[in-house]
């Protein structure tokens, strides 16, 4: 964003429009309270991306400050002083949104992550997205509909990626995609955490080919595993329960000396 032209400008509030699809909805109760107890000294400066649209008209896209605009609009202000940046690409708008809202509580972590995915300015997020796409999976964003292989548990998978590292993450998710092929249940938060726990714990011991065959040949579905987890009486974190069940399926038919030890999950 260093090359973007920056200025401050008084802009008619009627010309300001929300620019990012994943911004939070307007909190009407918050707006109503602020209008009731209005203090002009508390009015923040909205952040605006200026463009000239295809019709040759000025377009002011609100990156941050939509609640402020709604408040002053109800107060009766005609114009508001804004910080304006001109010539931003969509990726740069996403980056600006992310940096403005990272330290705020009023944006969910999922919305901030969406801005990183769509903005492509964060190296770790880019590596995560590329790793998932290499095995046929995608992270859910505002323009991607739910479906097979679309992961809604974005923060979970990001934490898994950081914990495992790119190489192990790719190997783990490749196994996952071969066995469960993006099944909705298999890409839920607890299932993904359980698969991660299994891989990290046994990566130097288990045979990936045997793992794949153990589940495919016997048609062990993600729903079967989830049911077994629900019946598991182990008083441990649910990710450990999922990993435990994966170990039990893997061990079936193996000689004792070749079986993975479930105890490693709770040591």
Protein backbone atom coordinates (compact mmCIF):
# COMPACT_ATOMS: atom_id res chain seq x y z
CA UNK A 1 0.00 0.00 0.00
CA UNK A 2 3.03 2.28 0.04
CA UNK A 3 2.34 3.47 -3.52
CA UNK A 4 -1.29 4.40 -2.82
CA UNK A 5 -2.12 8.11 -2.76
CA UNK A 6 -3.39 9.14 0.69
CA UNK A 7 -5.44 12.19 1.58
CA UNK A 8 -8.13 13.42 3.96
CA UNK A 9 -11.40 14.57 2.46
CA UNK A 10 -14.89 15.60 3.58
CA UNK A 11 -17.22 13.21 1.71
CA UNK A 12 -21.02 13.19 1.56
CA UNK A 13 -22.21 10.27 3.69
CA UNK A 14 -24.68 9.25 0.96
CA UNK A 15 -21.74 8.47 -1.34
CA UNK A 16 -20.04 6.07 1.08
CA UNK A 17 -20.73 2.38 0.48
CA UNK A 18 -19.49 -0.77 2.21
CA UNK A 19 -16.64 -2.21 0.16
CA UNK A 20 -15.87 -5.65 1.59
CA UNK A 21 -18.33 -8.54 1.55
CA UNK A 22 -17.06 -10.10 4.78
CA UNK A 23 -17.43 -7.00 6.97
CA UNK A 24 -19.63 -7.61 9.97
CA UNK A 25 -23.33 -6.70 9.75
CA UNK A 26 -24.41 -3.34 11.20
CA UNK A 27 -25.12 -3.63 14.94
CA UNK A 28 -28.34 -1.64 15.21
CA UNK A 29 -28.30 -1.60 19.03
CA UNK A 30 -24.75 -0.18 19.04
CA UNK A 31 -25.72 2.51 16.53
CA UNK A 32 -28.87 3.41 18.47
CA UNK A 33 -26.90 3.80 21.72
CA UNK A 34 -24.22 5.94 20.10
CA UNK A 35 -26.84 8.18 18.50
CA UNK A 36 -28.60 8.58 21.85
CA UNK A 37 -25.34 9.53 23.60
CA UNK A 38 -23.66 11.23 20.65
CA UNK A 39 -20.34 12.97 21.23
CA UNK A 40 -18.76 14.55 18.16
CA UNK A 41 -15.33 14.24 19.80
CA UNK A 42 -15.64 10.44 19.68
CA UNK A 43 -16.31 10.29 15.95
CA UNK A 44 -13.62 8.20 14.27
CA UNK A 45 -12.25 8.79 10.79
CA UNK A 46 -13.57 6.21 8.29
CA UNK A 47 -11.08 4.59 5.92
CA UNK A 48 -12.13 4.86 2.28
CA UNK A 49 -10.81 3.36 -0.95
CA UNK A 50 -11.43 5.72 -3.85
CA UNK A 51 -11.97 4.42 -7.37
CA UNK A 52 -13.49 5.63 -10.61
CA UNK A 53 -16.02 3.03 -11.72
CA UNK A 54 -16.71 1.78 -15.24
CA UNK A 55 -19.29 4.55 -15.73
CA UNK A 56 -16.65 7.17 -14.96
CA UNK A 57 -18.19 8.10 -11.62
CA UNK A 58 -16.45 8.43 -8.26
CA UNK A 59 -16.77 5.38 -6.01
CA UNK A 60 -15.99 5.54 -2.28
CA UNK A 61 -15.64 2.04 -0.78
CA UNK A 62 -15.74 1.84 3.03
CA UNK A 63 -12.87 -0.30 4.31
CA UNK A 64 -13.34 0.59 7.98
CA UNK A 65 -15.90 2.77 9.77
CA UNK A 66 -19.30 1.67 8.52
CA UNK A 67 -20.81 2.04 12.02
CA UNK A 68 -19.42 5.56 12.35
CA UNK A 69 -21.00 6.49 9.01
CA UNK A 70 -24.35 5.05 10.04
CA UNK A 71 -24.25 6.98 13.34
CA UNK A 72 -23.47 10.40 11.85
CA UNK A 73 -26.00 9.78 9.09
CA UNK A 74 -28.73 9.35 11.71
CA UNK A 75 -27.49 12.42 13.55
CA UNK A 76 -28.00 14.37 10.36
CA UNK A 77 -24.47 15.00 9.17
CA UNK A 78 -24.22 15.62 5.45
CA UNK A 79 -20.47 15.01 5.20
CA UNK A 80 -17.75 13.30 7.25
CA UNK A 81 -13.98 13.64 7.20
CA UNK A 82 -12.40 10.45 5.83
CA UNK A 83 -8.96 9.01 5.25
CA UNK A 84 -8.91 8.24 1.54
CA UNK A 85 -6.49 6.06 -0.39
CA UNK A 86 -6.59 6.02 -4.13
CA UNK A 87 -5.49 3.34 -6.56
CA UNK A 88 -5.75 0.34 -4.24
CA UNK A 89 -6.15 -3.12 -5.74
CA UNK A 90 -8.64 -5.50 -4.09
CA UNK A 91 -5.73 -7.31 -2.45
CA UNK A 92 -4.51 -4.02 -0.98
CA UNK A 93 -8.01 -3.20 0.28
CA UNK A 94 -8.08 -6.57 2.05
CA UNK A 95 -4.69 -5.90 3.59
CA UNK A 96 -5.78 -2.46 4.81
CA UNK A 97 -8.94 -3.94 6.36
CA UNK A 98 -6.87 -6.63 8.10
CA UNK A 99 -4.33 -4.20 9.54
CA UNK A 100 -7.00 -1.78 10.74
CA UNK A 101 -9.04 -4.48 12.46
CA UNK A 102 -6.45 -6.91 13.83
CA UNK A 103 -6.37 -5.15 17.20
CA UNK A 104 -10.11 -4.56 17.39
CA UNK A 105 -12.58 -6.85 19.14
CA UNK A 106 -15.46 -5.97 16.84
CA UNK A 107 -14.29 -8.11 13.92
CA UNK A 108 -14.34 -11.89 14.25
CA UNK A 109 -11.14 -13.83 13.65
CA UNK A 110 -12.86 -15.56 10.72
CA UNK A 111 -13.50 -12.24 8.97
CA UNK A 112 -9.90 -11.21 9.51
CA UNK A 113 -8.72 -14.53 8.14
CA UNK A 114 -10.94 -14.04 5.09
CA UNK A 115 -9.16 -10.77 4.41
CA UNK A 116 -5.79 -12.60 4.52
CA UNK A 117 -6.99 -15.35 2.19
CA UNK A 118 -8.54 -13.01 -0.34
CA UNK A 119 -5.82 -10.36 -0.03
CA UNK A 120 -2.90 -12.81 -0.52
CA UNK A 121 -0.59 -10.56 1.51
CA UNK A 122 0.20 -13.04 4.30
CA UNK A 123 2.91 -15.61 3.47
CA UNK A 124 1.74 -18.27 5.95
CA UNK A 125 -1.85 -18.05 4.73
CA UNK A 126 -0.72 -18.28 1.11
CA UNK A 127 1.30 -21.43 1.88
CA UNK A 128 -1.68 -22.93 3.71
CA UNK A 129 -4.06 -22.20 0.81
CA UNK A 130 -1.61 -23.64 -1.73
CA UNK A 131 -1.05 -26.77 0.38
CA UNK A 132 -4.79 -27.41 0.64
CA UNK A 133 -5.40 -26.80 -3.03
CA UNK A 134 -2.64 -29.28 -3.91
CA UNK A 135 -4.81 -32.05 -2.40
CA UNK A 136 -8.12 -30.72 -3.73
CA UNK A 137 -9.32 -28.78 -0.69
CA UNK A 138 -10.18 -25.10 -0.27
CA UNK A 139 -10.74 -22.75 2.64
CA UNK A 140 -14.23 -21.28 2.90
CA UNK A 141 -14.32 -17.59 2.01
CA UNK A 142 -17.09 -15.14 1.24
CA UNK A 143 -17.18 -16.07 -2.46
CA UNK A 144 -16.91 -19.85 -2.08
CA UNK A 145 -20.04 -21.87 -1.33
CA UNK A 146 -20.10 -24.74 1.14
CA UNK A 147 -19.55 -28.15 -0.37
CA UNK A 148 -17.25 -31.11 -0.72
CA UNK A 149 -13.68 -30.29 0.28
CA UNK A 150 -14.56 -26.75 1.44
CA UNK A 151 -13.12 -26.25 4.93
CA UNK A 152 -15.10 -23.95 7.23
CA UNK A 153 -12.78 -24.55 10.19
CA UNK A 154 -10.30 -22.02 8.85
CA UNK A 155 -8.72 -21.02 12.14
CA UNK A 156 -8.37 -24.66 13.17
CA UNK A 157 -6.62 -25.65 9.95
CA UNK A 158 -4.37 -22.59 10.17
CA UNK A 159 -3.26 -23.58 13.69
CA UNK A 160 -2.68 -27.15 12.51
CA UNK A 161 -0.57 -25.88 9.61
CA UNK A 162 1.57 -23.74 11.94
CA UNK A 163 2.04 -26.64 14.36
CA UNK A 164 2.94 -29.25 11.74
CA UNK A 165 4.89 -27.23 9.21
CA UNK A 166 4.29 -27.21 5.48
CA UNK A 167 5.83 -30.59 4.59
CA UNK A 168 4.14 -32.70 7.27
CA UNK A 169 0.89 -30.81 6.76
CA UNK A 170 0.86 -31.67 3.05
CA UNK A 171 1.60 -35.35 3.75
CA UNK A 172 -1.11 -35.53 6.40
CA UNK A 173 -3.75 -33.81 4.28
CA UNK A 174 -2.88 -35.92 1.25
CA UNK A 175 -3.66 -39.04 3.25
CA UNK A 176 -6.84 -37.40 4.52
CA UNK A 177 -8.01 -36.48 1.01
CA UNK A 178 -7.34 -39.98 -0.37
CA UNK A 179 -9.29 -41.68 2.41
CA UNK A 180 -12.20 -39.27 2.98
CA UNK A 181 -12.18 -37.17 -0.19
CA UNK A 182 -13.44 -33.97 1.41
CA UNK A 183 -16.40 -35.55 3.21
CA UNK A 184 -18.12 -32.84 5.26
CA UNK A 185 -17.76 -34.67 8.58
CA UNK A 186 -14.07 -35.35 7.95
CA UNK A 187 -13.24 -31.66 7.57
CA UNK A 188 -14.94 -30.60 10.80
CA UNK A 189 -12.84 -29.04 13.54
CA UNK A 190 -12.61 -32.09 15.88
CA UNK A 191 -11.91 -34.53 13.05
CA UNK A 192 -9.11 -32.37 11.62
CA UNK A 193 -7.57 -31.91 15.05
CA UNK A 194 -7.74 -35.66 15.65
CA UNK A 195 -6.07 -36.45 12.32
CA UNK A 196 -3.36 -33.92 13.12
CA UNK A 197 -2.85 -35.46 16.56
CA UNK A 198 -2.56 -38.93 15.05
CA UNK A 199 -0.06 -37.85 12.42
CA UNK A 200 2.17 -35.86 14.77
CA UNK A 201 2.21 -38.63 17.36
CA UNK A 202 2.94 -41.52 15.01
CA UNK A 203 4.54 -40.00 11.91
CA UNK A 204 7.78 -41.94 12.44
CA UNK A 205 5.95 -45.21 13.15
CA UNK A 206 2.86 -45.67 11.03
CA UNK A 207 2.74 -46.83 7.43
CA UNK A 208 0.74 -44.38 5.33
CA UNK A 209 -0.16 -47.05 2.76
CA UNK A 210 -1.51 -49.32 5.46
CA UNK A 211 -3.46 -46.41 6.96
CA UNK A 212 -5.10 -45.66 3.61
CA UNK A 213 -5.91 -49.32 2.93
CA UNK A 214 -7.22 -49.88 6.46
CA UNK A 215 -9.98 -47.35 5.92
CA UNK A 216 -10.68 -47.69 2.20
CA UNK A 217 -10.89 -51.48 1.97
CA UNK A 218 -13.22 -51.69 4.95
CA UNK A 219 -15.13 -48.56 3.88
CA UNK A 220 -14.64 -46.85 7.24
CA UNK A 221 -16.40 -43.53 6.78
CA UNK A 222 -15.94 -40.30 8.69
CA UNK A 223 -19.43 -40.89 10.12
CA UNK A 224 -18.32 -44.31 11.45
CA UNK A 225 -15.39 -42.68 13.19
CA UNK A 226 -17.50 -39.87 14.65
CA UNK A 227 -19.95 -42.46 16.04
CA UNK A 228 -17.11 -44.42 17.65
CA UNK A 229 -15.77 -41.20 19.16
CA UNK A 230 -19.17 -40.42 20.68
CA UNK A 231 -19.14 -43.88 22.31
CA UNK A 232 -15.58 -43.49 23.58
CA UNK A 233 -15.54 -43.10 27.37
CA UNK A 234 -12.01 -41.73 27.51
CA UNK A 235 -12.10 -38.55 29.59
CA UNK A 236 -9.81 -36.61 27.32
CA UNK A 237 -9.95 -33.85 24.74
CA UNK A 238 -12.10 -34.79 21.74
CA UNK A 239 -9.11 -34.52 19.38
CA UNK A 240 -7.41 -37.26 21.39
CA UNK A 241 -10.56 -39.37 21.14
CA UNK A 242 -10.54 -39.02 17.36
CA UNK A 243 -6.84 -39.90 17.19
CA UNK A 244 -7.48 -42.86 19.52
CA UNK A 245 -10.20 -44.24 17.25
CA UNK A 246 -7.94 -43.83 14.21
CA UNK A 247 -5.26 -45.85 16.00
CA UNK A 248 -7.73 -48.60 16.84
CA UNK A 249 -8.78 -48.95 13.19
CA UNK A 250 -5.17 -48.87 12.04
CA UNK A 251 -4.17 -51.60 14.50
CA UNK A 252 -6.87 -54.08 13.50
CA UNK A 253 -5.28 -57.26 12.13
CA UNK A 254 -1.72 -56.28 13.13
CA UNK A 255 0.52 -58.36 15.35
CA UNK A 256 1.03 -56.90 18.79
CA UNK A 257 4.63 -55.86 18.14
CA UNK A 258 3.54 -53.80 15.13
CA UNK A 259 0.57 -52.08 16.73
CA UNK A 260 0.69 -48.40 17.55
CA UNK A 261 0.42 -47.65 21.25
CA UNK A 262 -2.63 -45.60 22.15
CA UNK A 263 -0.93 -44.66 25.42
CA UNK A 264 1.36 -42.30 23.47
CA UNK A 265 -1.62 -40.04 22.94
CA UNK A 266 -1.97 -39.36 26.66
CA UNK A 267 1.63 -39.62 27.85
